[in-house]
């Protein structure tokens, strides 16, 4: 009978196996293990519905730091009623850029109550930062010109934001 490798009899192999398991679990639990390739768009994030000034939206939720960092990068199209909502643990100044984002976007910075405190337009592949003018907890990105075409601006409330009563 051929000998079999018993990990439990080899402490260095056991420690290595434990470390690899813990690393995998850590990455999986924090969203570091994703099904998307580095140069492909995030299409499998959780989704929710929002409403703003009578307009119903379906948005992807960027919750983890990795999801927020990638955002809408690599997206070449974005349906008119779809976008991405970035959720943060606390309010503070937020800055976004258009690194590897080939489509124009409209960005709205939201306070703790889901109220728009600032919005702006962002150009494809623009390395310039677009920042909130005050601390915000949420950021909503839609296709370019979305807010302007609907006359939605400062003070509008986005309904359905997770965590907002």
Protein backbone atom coordinates (compact mmCIF):
# COMPACT_ATOMS: atom_id res chain seq x y z
CA UNK A 1 0.00 0.00 0.00
CA UNK A 2 1.52 3.39 -1.01
CA UNK A 3 2.14 5.90 1.77
CA UNK A 4 -0.35 8.78 2.06
CA UNK A 5 0.47 12.30 3.10
CA UNK A 6 -1.01 13.04 6.50
CA UNK A 7 -1.01 16.79 7.04
CA UNK A 8 -1.65 16.36 10.74
CA UNK A 9 1.73 14.60 11.08
CA UNK A 10 3.56 17.49 9.37
CA UNK A 11 3.22 20.66 11.51
CA UNK A 12 4.67 23.02 8.85
CA UNK A 13 2.17 21.75 6.25
CA UNK A 14 -0.67 22.00 8.76
CA UNK A 15 0.23 25.62 9.59
CA UNK A 16 0.46 26.47 5.88
CA UNK A 17 -2.93 24.87 5.20
CA UNK A 18 -4.48 26.76 8.13
CA UNK A 19 -3.03 30.08 6.96
CA UNK A 20 -4.27 29.55 3.42
CA UNK A 21 -7.73 28.68 4.70
CA UNK A 22 -7.84 31.78 6.94
CA UNK A 23 -6.61 33.99 4.09
CA UNK A 24 -9.28 32.63 1.76
CA UNK A 25 -11.99 33.10 4.41
CA UNK A 26 -10.84 36.66 5.11
CA UNK A 27 -10.89 37.56 1.43
CA UNK A 28 -14.25 35.90 0.88
CA UNK A 29 -15.90 37.57 3.87
CA UNK A 30 -14.64 41.04 2.98
CA UNK A 31 -15.58 40.80 -0.69
CA UNK A 32 -11.94 40.46 -1.80
CA UNK A 33 -12.78 37.29 -3.72
CA UNK A 34 -14.87 38.32 -6.70
CA UNK A 35 -16.11 36.65 -9.82
CA UNK A 36 -15.02 39.51 -12.08
CA UNK A 37 -11.67 39.80 -13.78
CA UNK A 38 -9.59 42.90 -12.95
CA UNK A 39 -10.36 44.60 -16.29
CA UNK A 40 -14.05 43.77 -16.44
CA UNK A 41 -17.06 45.68 -15.07
CA UNK A 42 -18.83 44.74 -11.85
CA UNK A 43 -22.20 43.41 -12.93
CA UNK A 44 -22.96 41.01 -10.09
CA UNK A 45 -23.26 43.37 -7.11
CA UNK A 46 -26.40 43.39 -4.95
CA UNK A 47 -29.15 45.66 -6.26
CA UNK A 48 -31.91 47.76 -4.75
CA UNK A 49 -34.56 50.21 -5.91
CA UNK A 50 -34.47 53.92 -5.15
CA UNK A 51 -36.87 56.72 -5.90
CA UNK A 52 -36.06 60.36 -6.46
CA UNK A 53 -38.52 63.08 -7.53
CA UNK A 54 -40.93 60.43 -8.84
CA UNK A 55 -38.26 58.53 -10.80
CA UNK A 56 -37.74 54.87 -9.92
CA UNK A 57 -34.16 53.60 -10.22
CA UNK A 58 -32.45 50.24 -9.96
CA UNK A 59 -28.95 50.60 -8.55
CA UNK A 60 -26.06 48.32 -7.78
CA UNK A 61 -24.72 48.61 -4.24
CA UNK A 62 -20.98 49.21 -3.79
CA UNK A 63 -20.47 48.24 -0.15
CA UNK A 64 -16.95 46.93 0.36
CA UNK A 65 -13.81 49.03 -0.18
CA UNK A 66 -12.94 46.91 -3.23
CA UNK A 67 -16.40 47.35 -4.76
CA UNK A 68 -16.33 51.10 -4.11
CA UNK A 69 -12.83 51.43 -5.58
CA UNK A 70 -13.83 49.70 -8.82
CA UNK A 71 -17.23 51.38 -9.04
CA UNK A 72 -18.42 51.73 -12.63
CA UNK A 73 -14.96 51.26 -14.16
CA UNK A 74 -14.94 49.46 -17.52
CA UNK A 75 -18.70 49.98 -18.07
CA UNK A 76 -19.37 51.00 -21.65
CA UNK A 77 -23.12 51.36 -21.28
CA UNK A 78 -25.47 52.17 -18.44
CA UNK A 79 -29.25 51.86 -18.87
CA UNK A 80 -31.14 55.13 -18.28
CA UNK A 81 -32.78 54.02 -15.02
CA UNK A 82 -29.73 52.24 -13.57
CA UNK A 83 -26.78 53.45 -11.54
CA UNK A 84 -24.56 52.65 -8.58
CA UNK A 85 -24.99 53.64 -4.95
CA UNK A 86 -21.83 53.79 -2.85
CA UNK A 87 -22.43 53.13 0.86
CA UNK A 88 -19.94 54.26 3.48
CA UNK A 89 -19.79 53.56 7.21
CA UNK A 90 -19.49 57.21 8.22
CA UNK A 91 -19.88 60.69 6.78
CA UNK A 92 -16.81 62.48 5.50
CA UNK A 93 -15.59 64.26 2.38
CA UNK A 94 -15.61 61.87 -0.60
CA UNK A 95 -13.72 62.22 -3.87
CA UNK A 96 -14.23 60.24 -7.08
CA UNK A 97 -12.45 60.08 -10.41
CA UNK A 98 -13.10 58.49 -13.78
CA UNK A 99 -10.09 56.18 -14.02
CA UNK A 100 -10.85 53.52 -16.63
CA UNK A 101 -14.47 54.64 -16.93
CA UNK A 102 -15.37 55.10 -20.63
CA UNK A 103 -18.82 56.65 -20.22
CA UNK A 104 -19.85 60.05 -18.83
CA UNK A 105 -21.39 59.97 -15.38
CA UNK A 106 -23.46 62.26 -13.18
CA UNK A 107 -22.58 62.05 -9.49
CA UNK A 108 -24.70 63.08 -6.50
CA UNK A 109 -23.30 63.31 -2.98
CA UNK A 110 -25.87 62.45 -0.27
CA UNK A 111 -25.93 63.26 3.43
CA UNK A 112 -27.00 60.92 6.26
CA UNK A 113 -30.68 61.45 5.37
CA UNK A 114 -30.21 60.66 1.67
CA UNK A 115 -30.49 64.33 0.65
CA UNK A 116 -28.42 65.59 -2.27
CA UNK A 117 -25.93 68.16 -1.00
CA UNK A 118 -23.92 68.46 -4.23
CA UNK A 119 -23.94 66.99 -7.74
CA UNK A 120 -21.61 67.22 -10.71
CA UNK A 121 -20.87 65.84 -14.16
CA UNK A 122 -17.81 63.67 -14.78
CA UNK A 123 -16.11 63.10 -18.14
CA UNK A 124 -14.86 59.70 -19.38
CA UNK A 125 -11.30 58.80 -18.32
CA UNK A 126 -10.88 62.18 -16.53
CA UNK A 127 -8.12 61.87 -13.88
CA UNK A 128 -9.38 64.99 -12.03
CA UNK A 129 -11.04 64.37 -8.67
CA UNK A 130 -14.67 65.34 -8.15
CA UNK A 131 -15.25 65.86 -4.43
CA UNK A 132 -18.19 66.48 -2.17
CA UNK A 133 -18.31 69.99 -0.75
CA UNK A 134 -19.07 68.68 2.74
CA UNK A 135 -19.09 65.34 4.58
CA UNK A 136 -21.41 62.76 2.95
CA UNK A 137 -22.35 59.18 3.68
CA UNK A 138 -23.64 58.04 0.28
CA UNK A 139 -22.78 58.70 -3.35
CA UNK A 140 -25.07 57.98 -6.31
CA UNK A 141 -23.72 57.69 -9.85
CA UNK A 142 -26.00 57.74 -12.88
CA UNK A 143 -25.43 58.21 -16.60
CA UNK A 144 -24.12 61.60 -17.68
CA UNK A 145 -26.66 64.43 -17.46
CA UNK A 146 -29.23 62.33 -15.60
CA UNK A 147 -29.89 64.78 -12.75
CA UNK A 148 -29.73 67.87 -14.96
CA UNK A 149 -32.23 66.49 -17.52
CA UNK A 150 -34.74 65.95 -14.71
CA UNK A 151 -34.09 69.19 -12.84
CA UNK A 152 -32.95 67.27 -9.75
CA UNK A 153 -30.41 69.02 -7.60
CA UNK A 154 -29.42 70.25 -4.17
CA UNK A 155 -31.95 69.30 -1.50
CA UNK A 156 -33.70 66.48 -3.40
CA UNK A 157 -34.19 63.39 -1.26
CA UNK A 158 -33.30 59.93 -2.53
CA UNK A 159 -35.80 57.46 -1.06
CA UNK A 160 -34.90 53.84 -0.35
CA UNK A 161 -31.24 54.35 0.57
CA UNK A 162 -30.28 51.39 2.79
CA UNK A 163 -29.78 52.50 6.39
CA UNK A 164 -31.80 55.72 6.02
CA UNK A 165 -35.16 55.84 7.80
